[in-house]
Amino acid sequence: MKRWKYALAALVLAGLGAAYPRLGLRAPRQPIAFPHNLHLQAGMHCADCHRDAAVSNRAGLPSVRECALCHQRLRARSPLIRQVMDYARRGIEIPWQRVYVYPASAHLRFRHNLHLAAGLACRTCHGDMRRLATARVWKPMPMGVCIACHRQHGAKTGCEDCHV
């Protein structure tokens, strides 16, 4: 009976692995080619824009008004900043595309706050954004990668710990 359960679990995991085609090393087409590296090299930190990461499941993004407040002071003439200021002037949030996308069928509940509280740095999963201009999937995250990391760090590995 136990072998049957393991065989079924292996089939389910293989099926889920096939359901993650969007997790290849890719950069989604963004409305503005946001230069993470320039912001970080200027002394900013991930949490300056992704403020919700420490307290929420999602990392969050600043509003276009927040971006405009900084860039009004900087008065840079770059085409990228002009694009940001145009969105702000029109009162339209920038329609950023998610980088890490999991299918709804995975019922995944990733929690940025728990990972940060455990001492994981953003670059562990997202790469060194000081060297990468635009956000992309730096490291594919199929379930096996997550479980291996959880085991390495002594974190929970039960299905209900990550899936709802």
N, C-alpha and C. Protein backbone atom coordinates (compact mmCIF):
# COMPACT_ATOMS: atom_id res chain seq x y z
N MET A 1 0.82 -1.20 0.00
CA MET A 1 0.00 0.00 0.00
C MET A 1 0.87 1.26 0.00
N LYS A 2 1.95 1.24 0.78
CA LYS A 2 2.81 2.42 0.85
C LYS A 2 3.44 2.72 -0.51
N ARG A 3 3.84 1.69 -1.25
CA ARG A 3 4.44 1.91 -2.56
C ARG A 3 3.47 2.61 -3.49
N TRP A 4 2.20 2.25 -3.40
CA TRP A 4 1.17 2.87 -4.22
C TRP A 4 1.08 4.36 -3.92
N LYS A 5 1.15 4.73 -2.65
CA LYS A 5 1.07 6.14 -2.25
C LYS A 5 2.27 6.92 -2.79
N TYR A 6 3.46 6.30 -2.70
CA TYR A 6 4.66 6.96 -3.20
C TYR A 6 4.61 7.13 -4.72
N ALA A 7 4.08 6.11 -5.41
CA ALA A 7 3.97 6.19 -6.87
C ALA A 7 2.99 7.30 -7.25
N LEU A 8 1.86 7.39 -6.54
CA LEU A 8 0.89 8.45 -6.82
C LEU A 8 1.50 9.82 -6.55
N ALA A 9 2.21 9.96 -5.43
CA ALA A 9 2.85 11.25 -5.10
C ALA A 9 3.86 11.63 -6.18
N ALA A 10 4.62 10.66 -6.69
CA ALA A 10 5.61 10.94 -7.74
C ALA A 10 4.91 11.42 -9.01
N LEU A 11 3.78 10.81 -9.35
CA LEU A 11 3.04 11.24 -10.55
C LEU A 11 2.50 12.65 -10.38
N VAL A 12 1.97 12.95 -9.20
CA VAL A 12 1.45 14.30 -8.95
C VAL A 12 2.57 15.32 -9.04
N LEU A 13 3.70 15.03 -8.42
CA LEU A 13 4.83 15.97 -8.47
C LEU A 13 5.34 16.16 -9.89
N ALA A 14 5.39 15.08 -10.64
CA ALA A 14 5.84 15.20 -12.05
C ALA A 14 4.86 16.06 -12.83
N GLY A 15 3.57 15.88 -12.58
CA GLY A 15 2.57 16.69 -13.25
C GLY A 15 2.68 18.15 -12.88
N LEU A 16 2.91 18.43 -11.60
CA LEU A 16 3.08 19.82 -11.18
C LEU A 16 4.32 20.42 -11.81
N GLY A 17 5.38 19.64 -11.92
CA GLY A 17 6.59 20.15 -12.55
C GLY A 17 6.35 20.54 -14.00
N ALA A 18 5.52 19.76 -14.69
CA ALA A 18 5.20 20.07 -16.08
C ALA A 18 4.29 21.30 -16.18
N ALA A 19 3.60 21.63 -15.09
CA ALA A 19 2.67 22.76 -15.10
C ALA A 19 3.37 24.10 -14.88
N TYR A 20 4.67 24.12 -14.76
CA TYR A 20 5.39 25.35 -14.47
C TYR A 20 6.22 25.84 -15.66
N PRO A 21 5.64 25.90 -16.85
CA PRO A 21 6.43 26.29 -18.02
C PRO A 21 6.92 27.72 -17.97
N ARG A 22 6.26 28.59 -17.19
CA ARG A 22 6.64 29.99 -17.17
C ARG A 22 7.80 30.26 -16.21
N LEU A 23 8.33 29.21 -15.59
CA LEU A 23 9.40 29.42 -14.64
C LEU A 23 10.78 29.27 -15.26
N GLY A 24 10.88 29.26 -16.56
CA GLY A 24 12.20 29.24 -17.17
C GLY A 24 12.89 30.56 -16.90
N LEU A 25 14.17 30.65 -17.17
CA LEU A 25 14.89 31.90 -16.94
C LEU A 25 14.39 32.93 -17.95
N ARG A 26 13.51 33.76 -17.50
CA ARG A 26 12.87 34.70 -18.40
C ARG A 26 12.70 36.04 -17.72
N ALA A 27 12.53 37.03 -18.56
CA ALA A 27 12.20 38.36 -18.06
C ALA A 27 10.89 38.74 -18.72
N PRO A 28 9.84 38.92 -17.94
CA PRO A 28 8.57 39.31 -18.56
C PRO A 28 8.70 40.69 -19.19
N ARG A 29 7.91 40.94 -20.18
CA ARG A 29 7.92 42.25 -20.85
C ARG A 29 7.27 43.26 -19.92
N GLN A 30 8.07 44.20 -19.45
CA GLN A 30 7.59 45.21 -18.52
C GLN A 30 7.27 46.50 -19.27
N PRO A 31 6.37 47.32 -18.74
CA PRO A 31 6.04 48.58 -19.40
C PRO A 31 7.21 49.57 -19.40
N ILE A 32 8.09 49.44 -18.41
CA ILE A 32 9.29 50.27 -18.31
C ILE A 32 10.42 49.34 -17.90
N ALA A 33 11.57 49.44 -18.54
CA ALA A 33 12.72 48.60 -18.21
C ALA A 33 13.37 49.12 -16.93
N PHE A 34 12.73 48.81 -15.80
CA PHE A 34 13.19 49.33 -14.52
C PHE A 34 14.61 48.85 -14.20
N PRO A 35 15.57 49.77 -14.00
CA PRO A 35 16.96 49.38 -13.73
C PRO A 35 17.22 49.17 -12.24
N HIS A 36 16.96 47.95 -11.76
CA HIS A 36 17.22 47.63 -10.35
C HIS A 36 18.66 47.95 -9.97
N ASN A 37 19.58 47.58 -10.86
CA ASN A 37 21.00 47.76 -10.54
C ASN A 37 21.35 49.22 -10.25
N LEU A 38 20.83 50.14 -11.03
CA LEU A 38 21.15 51.56 -10.80
C LEU A 38 20.60 52.06 -9.46
N HIS A 39 19.41 51.62 -9.10
CA HIS A 39 18.82 52.04 -7.83
C HIS A 39 19.61 51.48 -6.66
N LEU A 40 20.02 50.20 -6.75
CA LEU A 40 20.78 49.58 -5.66
C LEU A 40 22.20 50.15 -5.58
N GLN A 41 22.81 50.40 -6.74
CA GLN A 41 24.15 50.99 -6.74
C GLN A 41 24.13 52.41 -6.18
N ALA A 42 22.96 53.06 -6.23
CA ALA A 42 22.83 54.42 -5.70
C ALA A 42 22.59 54.41 -4.19
N GLY A 43 22.56 53.22 -3.60
CA GLY A 43 22.42 53.13 -2.14
C GLY A 43 21.05 52.72 -1.64
N MET A 44 20.13 52.46 -2.55
CA MET A 44 18.81 52.01 -2.12
C MET A 44 18.89 50.53 -1.73
N HIS A 45 17.87 50.06 -1.06
CA HIS A 45 17.78 48.65 -0.65
C HIS A 45 16.47 48.08 -1.19
N CYS A 46 16.39 46.77 -1.31
CA CYS A 46 15.18 46.12 -1.82
C CYS A 46 13.95 46.62 -1.06
N ALA A 47 14.06 46.70 0.26
CA ALA A 47 12.92 47.08 1.11
C ALA A 47 12.49 48.53 0.92
N ASP A 48 13.30 49.35 0.28
CA ASP A 48 12.89 50.74 0.03
C ASP A 48 11.68 50.78 -0.91
N CYS A 49 11.61 49.86 -1.84
CA CYS A 49 10.48 49.80 -2.76
C CYS A 49 9.54 48.64 -2.44
N HIS A 50 10.11 47.54 -2.01
CA HIS A 50 9.31 46.35 -1.71
C HIS A 50 9.06 46.29 -0.20
N ARG A 51 8.40 47.31 0.32
CA ARG A 51 8.21 47.48 1.76
C ARG A 51 7.39 46.39 2.41
N ASP A 52 6.47 45.81 1.69
CA ASP A 52 5.58 44.80 2.29
C ASP A 52 6.26 43.46 2.52
N ALA A 53 7.41 43.23 1.92
CA ALA A 53 8.06 41.92 2.00
C ALA A 53 8.31 41.48 3.44
N ALA A 54 8.63 42.39 4.33
CA ALA A 54 8.93 42.03 5.72
C ALA A 54 7.70 41.74 6.55
N VAL A 55 6.54 42.15 6.07
CA VAL A 55 5.32 42.01 6.89
C VAL A 55 4.18 41.27 6.19
N SER A 56 4.40 40.82 4.96
CA SER A 56 3.30 40.26 4.18
C SER A 56 3.80 39.12 3.30
N ASN A 57 2.85 38.38 2.76
CA ASN A 57 3.20 37.34 1.78
C ASN A 57 3.85 37.95 0.55
N ARG A 58 3.30 39.05 0.09
CA ARG A 58 3.79 39.70 -1.13
C ARG A 58 4.84 40.76 -0.81
N ALA A 59 5.73 40.95 -1.74
CA ALA A 59 6.77 41.96 -1.54
C ALA A 59 6.22 43.37 -1.72
N GLY A 60 5.23 43.51 -2.60
CA GLY A 60 4.63 44.82 -2.84
C GLY A 60 5.48 45.70 -3.73
N LEU A 61 4.85 46.74 -4.24
CA LEU A 61 5.51 47.72 -5.10
C LEU A 61 5.08 49.11 -4.66
N PRO A 62 5.95 50.09 -4.87
CA PRO A 62 5.54 51.46 -4.54
C PRO A 62 4.54 51.96 -5.58
N SER A 63 3.75 52.93 -5.18
CA SER A 63 2.83 53.54 -6.15
C SER A 63 3.65 54.41 -7.10
N VAL A 64 3.07 54.73 -8.23
CA VAL A 64 3.75 55.59 -9.19
C VAL A 64 4.00 56.97 -8.57
N ARG A 65 3.13 57.38 -7.65
CA ARG A 65 3.32 58.68 -6.97
C ARG A 65 4.61 58.67 -6.14
N GLU A 66 4.89 57.52 -5.48
CA GLU A 66 6.12 57.43 -4.70
C GLU A 66 7.35 57.51 -5.60
N CYS A 67 7.29 56.83 -6.73
CA CYS A 67 8.40 56.89 -7.69
C CYS A 67 8.59 58.34 -8.15
N ALA A 68 7.49 58.99 -8.47
CA ALA A 68 7.54 60.36 -8.98
C ALA A 68 8.10 61.32 -7.93
N LEU A 69 7.78 61.11 -6.65
CA LEU A 69 8.30 61.99 -5.61
C LEU A 69 9.83 61.99 -5.59
N CYS A 70 10.41 60.80 -5.69
CA CYS A 70 11.88 60.73 -5.72
C CYS A 70 12.43 61.36 -7.00
N HIS A 71 11.82 61.02 -8.11
CA HIS A 71 12.37 61.48 -9.37
C HIS A 71 12.09 62.94 -9.67
N GLN A 72 11.12 63.53 -9.02
CA GLN A 72 10.94 64.98 -9.16
C GLN A 72 12.14 65.69 -8.58
N ARG A 73 12.63 65.16 -7.47
CA ARG A 73 13.81 65.77 -6.84
C ARG A 73 15.06 65.53 -7.66
N LEU A 74 15.15 64.38 -8.28
CA LEU A 74 16.36 64.06 -9.04
C LEU A 74 16.41 64.77 -10.38
N ARG A 75 15.26 65.06 -10.94
CA ARG A 75 15.16 65.81 -12.20
C ARG A 75 16.02 65.23 -13.32
N ALA A 76 16.15 63.94 -13.34
CA ALA A 76 16.95 63.31 -14.40
C ALA A 76 16.21 63.41 -15.73
N ARG A 77 16.94 63.41 -16.78
CA ARG A 77 16.37 63.55 -18.12
C ARG A 77 16.26 62.22 -18.85
N SER A 78 16.44 61.12 -18.16
CA SER A 78 16.44 59.83 -18.87
C SER A 78 15.05 59.51 -19.41
N PRO A 79 15.00 58.79 -20.53
CA PRO A 79 13.71 58.40 -21.10
C PRO A 79 12.89 57.53 -20.13
N LEU A 80 13.57 56.72 -19.34
CA LEU A 80 12.85 55.87 -18.38
C LEU A 80 12.14 56.71 -17.32
N ILE A 81 12.82 57.72 -16.82
CA ILE A 81 12.21 58.58 -15.81
C ILE A 81 11.06 59.38 -16.43
N ARG A 82 11.23 59.79 -17.67
CA ARG A 82 10.12 60.49 -18.34
C ARG A 82 8.89 59.58 -18.45
N GLN A 83 9.11 58.29 -18.69
CA GLN A 83 8.00 57.35 -18.76
C GLN A 83 7.30 57.24 -17.40
N VAL A 84 8.08 57.15 -16.33
CA VAL A 84 7.51 57.09 -14.98
C VAL A 84 6.70 58.35 -14.69
N MET A 85 7.28 59.49 -15.00
CA MET A 85 6.61 60.76 -14.73
C MET A 85 5.33 60.90 -15.57
N ASP A 86 5.33 60.32 -16.77
CA ASP A 86 4.12 60.37 -17.60
C ASP A 86 2.99 59.56 -16.96
N TYR A 87 3.31 58.36 -16.45
CA TYR A 87 2.31 57.57 -15.74
C TYR A 87 1.78 58.36 -14.54
N ALA A 88 2.69 58.99 -13.79
CA ALA A 88 2.29 59.75 -12.60
C ALA A 88 1.40 60.93 -12.99
N ARG A 89 1.76 61.63 -14.03
CA ARG A 89 0.99 62.80 -14.48
C ARG A 89 -0.42 62.38 -14.88
N ARG A 90 -0.55 61.20 -15.49
CA ARG A 90 -1.86 60.71 -15.91
C ARG A 90 -2.61 60.02 -14.77
N GLY A 91 -1.94 59.82 -13.62
CA GLY A 91 -2.58 59.16 -12.48
C GLY A 91 -2.85 57.68 -12.72
N ILE A 92 -1.99 57.05 -13.49
CA ILE A 92 -2.14 55.62 -13.82
C ILE A 92 -0.99 54.85 -13.19
N GLU A 93 -1.33 53.80 -12.44
CA GLU A 93 -0.28 52.95 -11.88
C GLU A 93 0.44 52.21 -13.00
N ILE A 94 1.72 52.01 -12.84
CA ILE A 94 2.50 51.31 -13.85
C ILE A 94 2.09 49.83 -13.82
N PRO A 95 1.69 49.27 -14.95
CA PRO A 95 1.20 47.88 -14.96
C PRO A 95 2.34 46.86 -15.00
N TRP A 96 3.08 46.77 -13.90
CA TRP A 96 4.20 45.83 -13.81
C TRP A 96 3.69 44.40 -13.95
N GLN A 97 4.50 43.56 -14.55
CA GLN A 97 4.18 42.14 -14.71
C GLN A 97 4.93 41.33 -13.65
N ARG A 98 4.25 40.37 -13.07
CA ARG A 98 4.91 39.51 -12.08
C ARG A 98 6.04 38.75 -12.75
N VAL A 99 7.11 38.53 -12.02
CA VAL A 99 8.26 37.82 -12.56
C VAL A 99 8.14 36.32 -12.26
N TYR A 100 7.93 35.98 -11.00
CA TYR A 100 7.74 34.58 -10.63
C TYR A 100 6.25 34.30 -10.66
N VAL A 101 5.82 33.45 -11.59
CA VAL A 101 4.41 33.15 -11.77
C VAL A 101 4.20 31.65 -11.60
N TYR A 102 3.34 31.30 -10.68
CA TYR A 102 2.99 29.90 -10.46
C TYR A 102 1.53 29.71 -10.87
N PRO A 103 1.20 28.54 -11.40
CA PRO A 103 -0.19 28.32 -11.81
C PRO A 103 -1.11 28.30 -10.59
N ALA A 104 -2.32 28.77 -10.77
CA ALA A 104 -3.30 28.78 -9.67
C ALA A 104 -3.51 27.38 -9.13
N SER A 105 -3.37 26.38 -9.98
CA SER A 105 -3.58 24.99 -9.55
C SER A 105 -2.56 24.54 -8.51
N ALA A 106 -1.46 25.25 -8.37
CA ALA A 106 -0.46 24.89 -7.36
C ALA A 106 -0.92 25.27 -5.96
N HIS A 107 -1.88 26.19 -5.87
CA HIS A 107 -2.38 26.66 -4.56
C HIS A 107 -1.22 27.07 -3.66
N LEU A 108 -0.23 27.69 -4.25
CA LEU A 108 0.97 28.08 -3.51
C LEU A 108 0.74 29.36 -2.72
N ARG A 109 1.22 29.36 -1.51
CA ARG A 109 1.13 30.52 -0.63
C ARG A 109 2.57 30.84 -0.20
N PHE A 110 3.29 31.54 -1.05
CA PHE A 110 4.66 31.91 -0.72
C PHE A 110 4.63 33.10 0.23
N ARG A 111 5.44 33.05 1.27
CA ARG A 111 5.44 34.11 2.27
C ARG A 111 6.81 34.78 2.35
N HIS A 112 6.91 35.94 1.73
CA HIS A 112 8.16 36.69 1.80
C HIS A 112 8.55 36.98 3.25
N ASN A 113 7.59 37.39 4.06
CA ASN A 113 7.89 37.79 5.43
C ASN A 113 8.53 36.66 6.23
N LEU A 114 8.05 35.44 6.10
CA LEU A 114 8.64 34.33 6.85
C LEU A 114 10.06 34.03 6.38
N HIS A 115 10.30 34.15 5.10
CA HIS A 115 11.64 33.88 4.58
C HIS A 115 12.64 34.96 5.03
N LEU A 116 12.20 36.22 5.05
CA LEU A 116 13.08 37.29 5.52
C LEU A 116 13.32 37.16 7.02
N ALA A 117 12.28 36.80 7.78
CA ALA A 117 12.43 36.62 9.23
C ALA A 117 13.39 35.47 9.54
N ALA A 118 13.46 34.48 8.64
CA ALA A 118 14.37 33.35 8.83
C ALA A 118 15.81 33.70 8.44
N GLY A 119 16.02 34.91 7.95
CA GLY A 119 17.38 35.35 7.63
C GLY A 119 17.79 35.17 6.18
N LEU A 120 16.87 34.78 5.32
CA LEU A 120 17.23 34.65 3.91
C LEU A 120 17.30 36.03 3.27
N ALA A 121 18.33 36.27 2.53
CA ALA A 121 18.48 37.53 1.82
C ALA A 121 17.69 37.47 0.51
N CYS A 122 17.24 38.60 0.04
CA CYS A 122 16.48 38.66 -1.22
C CYS A 122 17.26 37.98 -2.35
N ARG A 123 18.58 38.17 -2.38
CA ARG A 123 19.40 37.64 -3.47
C ARG A 123 19.44 36.11 -3.49
N THR A 124 19.05 35.45 -2.40
CA THR A 124 19.03 33.99 -2.36
C THR A 124 18.14 33.44 -3.47
N CYS A 125 16.99 34.06 -3.65
CA CYS A 125 16.05 33.60 -4.69
C CYS A 125 16.04 34.49 -5.92
N HIS A 126 16.34 35.78 -5.75
CA HIS A 126 16.20 36.73 -6.84
C HIS A 126 17.52 37.12 -7.51
N GLY A 127 18.64 36.62 -7.01
CA GLY A 127 19.93 36.96 -7.60
C GLY A 127 20.41 38.32 -7.11
N ASP A 128 21.61 38.66 -7.49
CA ASP A 128 22.20 39.94 -7.07
C ASP A 128 21.73 41.02 -8.03
N MET A 129 20.69 41.72 -7.61
CA MET A 129 20.09 42.74 -8.48
C MET A 129 21.00 43.94 -8.68
N ARG A 130 22.11 44.01 -7.95
CA ARG A 130 23.09 45.08 -8.22
C ARG A 130 23.76 44.84 -9.57
N ARG A 131 23.72 43.60 -10.02
CA ARG A 131 24.35 43.24 -11.29
C ARG A 131 23.35 43.01 -12.41
N LEU A 132 22.08 42.82 -12.05
CA LEU A 132 21.04 42.57 -13.04
C LEU A 132 20.22 43.84 -13.22
N ALA A 133 20.07 44.26 -14.42
CA ALA A 133 19.30 45.48 -14.65
C ALA A 133 17.81 45.23 -14.44
N THR A 134 17.24 44.33 -15.20
CA THR A 134 15.81 44.08 -15.09
C THR A 134 15.55 42.78 -14.36
N ALA A 135 14.45 42.75 -13.63
CA ALA A 135 14.08 41.54 -12.88
C ALA A 135 13.69 40.43 -13.84
N ARG A 136 14.14 39.26 -13.55
CA ARG A 136 13.81 38.07 -14.33
C ARG A 136 13.87 36.89 -13.38
N VAL A 137 13.39 35.75 -13.84
CA VAL A 137 13.52 34.55 -13.02
C VAL A 137 15.00 34.20 -13.02
N TRP A 138 15.63 34.43 -11.90
CA TRP A 138 17.06 34.17 -11.77
C TRP A 138 17.31 32.70 -11.47
N LYS A 139 16.42 32.12 -10.70
CA LYS A 139 16.57 30.74 -10.27
C LYS A 139 15.19 30.10 -10.31
N PRO A 140 14.96 29.15 -11.22
CA PRO A 140 13.65 28.50 -11.23
C PRO A 140 13.36 27.88 -9.87
N MET A 141 12.11 27.94 -9.45
CA MET A 141 11.74 27.47 -8.12
C MET A 141 10.67 26.38 -8.17
N PRO A 142 10.97 25.24 -8.80
CA PRO A 142 10.02 24.15 -8.69
C PRO A 142 10.03 23.63 -7.25
N MET A 143 9.04 22.87 -6.90
CA MET A 143 8.86 22.45 -5.52
C MET A 143 10.10 21.75 -4.94
N GLY A 144 10.80 20.97 -5.74
CA GLY A 144 11.99 20.26 -5.24
C GLY A 144 13.06 21.21 -4.72
N VAL A 145 13.23 22.34 -5.38
CA VAL A 145 14.22 23.34 -4.93
C VAL A 145 13.80 23.90 -3.58
N CYS A 146 12.51 24.20 -3.45
CA CYS A 146 12.00 24.75 -2.19
C CYS A 146 12.17 23.74 -1.05
N ILE A 147 11.81 22.48 -1.30
CA ILE A 147 11.91 21.46 -0.26
C ILE A 147 13.37 21.26 0.14
N ALA A 148 14.27 21.22 -0.82
CA ALA A 148 15.70 21.06 -0.49
C ALA A 148 16.19 22.20 0.38
N CYS A 149 15.78 23.41 0.07
CA CYS A 149 16.19 24.57 0.87
C CYS A 149 15.57 24.49 2.27
N HIS A 150 14.31 24.11 2.35
CA HIS A 150 13.66 23.98 3.65
C HIS A 150 14.39 22.95 4.51
N ARG A 151 14.75 21.82 3.92
CA ARG A 151 15.47 20.78 4.67
C ARG A 151 16.84 21.29 5.12
N GLN A 152 17.52 22.00 4.23
CA GLN A 152 18.84 22.54 4.55
C GLN A 152 18.78 23.50 5.73
N HIS A 153 17.69 24.25 5.83
CA HIS A 153 17.56 25.26 6.89
C HIS A 153 16.67 24.82 8.04
N GLY A 154 16.26 23.55 8.03
CA GLY A 154 15.43 23.04 9.12
C GLY A 154 14.03 23.62 9.16
N ALA A 155 13.49 24.01 8.00
CA ALA A 155 12.14 24.58 7.94
C ALA A 155 11.14 23.47 7.68
N LYS A 156 9.88 23.78 7.91
CA LYS A 156 8.81 22.81 7.72
C LYS A 156 8.70 22.39 6.25
N THR A 157 8.32 21.12 6.02
CA THR A 157 8.18 20.61 4.65
C THR A 157 6.83 19.96 4.41
N GLY A 158 5.86 20.17 5.30
CA GLY A 158 4.53 19.61 5.09
C GLY A 158 3.81 20.34 3.97
N CYS A 159 2.96 19.63 3.24
CA CYS A 159 2.23 20.24 2.12
C CYS A 159 1.49 21.51 2.56
N GLU A 160 0.82 21.42 3.71
CA GLU A 160 0.00 22.54 4.18
C GLU A 160 0.82 23.76 4.59
N ASP A 161 2.13 23.61 4.72
CA ASP A 161 2.97 24.75 5.09
C ASP A 161 3.12 25.75 3.95
N CYS A 162 2.97 25.29 2.71
CA CYS A 162 3.13 26.18 1.56
C CYS A 162 1.91 26.20 0.64
N HIS A 163 1.08 25.19 0.74
CA HIS A 163 -0.07 25.08 -0.16
C HIS A 163 -1.38 25.22 0.61
N VAL A 164 -2.35 25.91 0.02
CA VAL A 164 -3.66 26.09 0.66
C VAL A 164 -4.71 25.29 -0.09
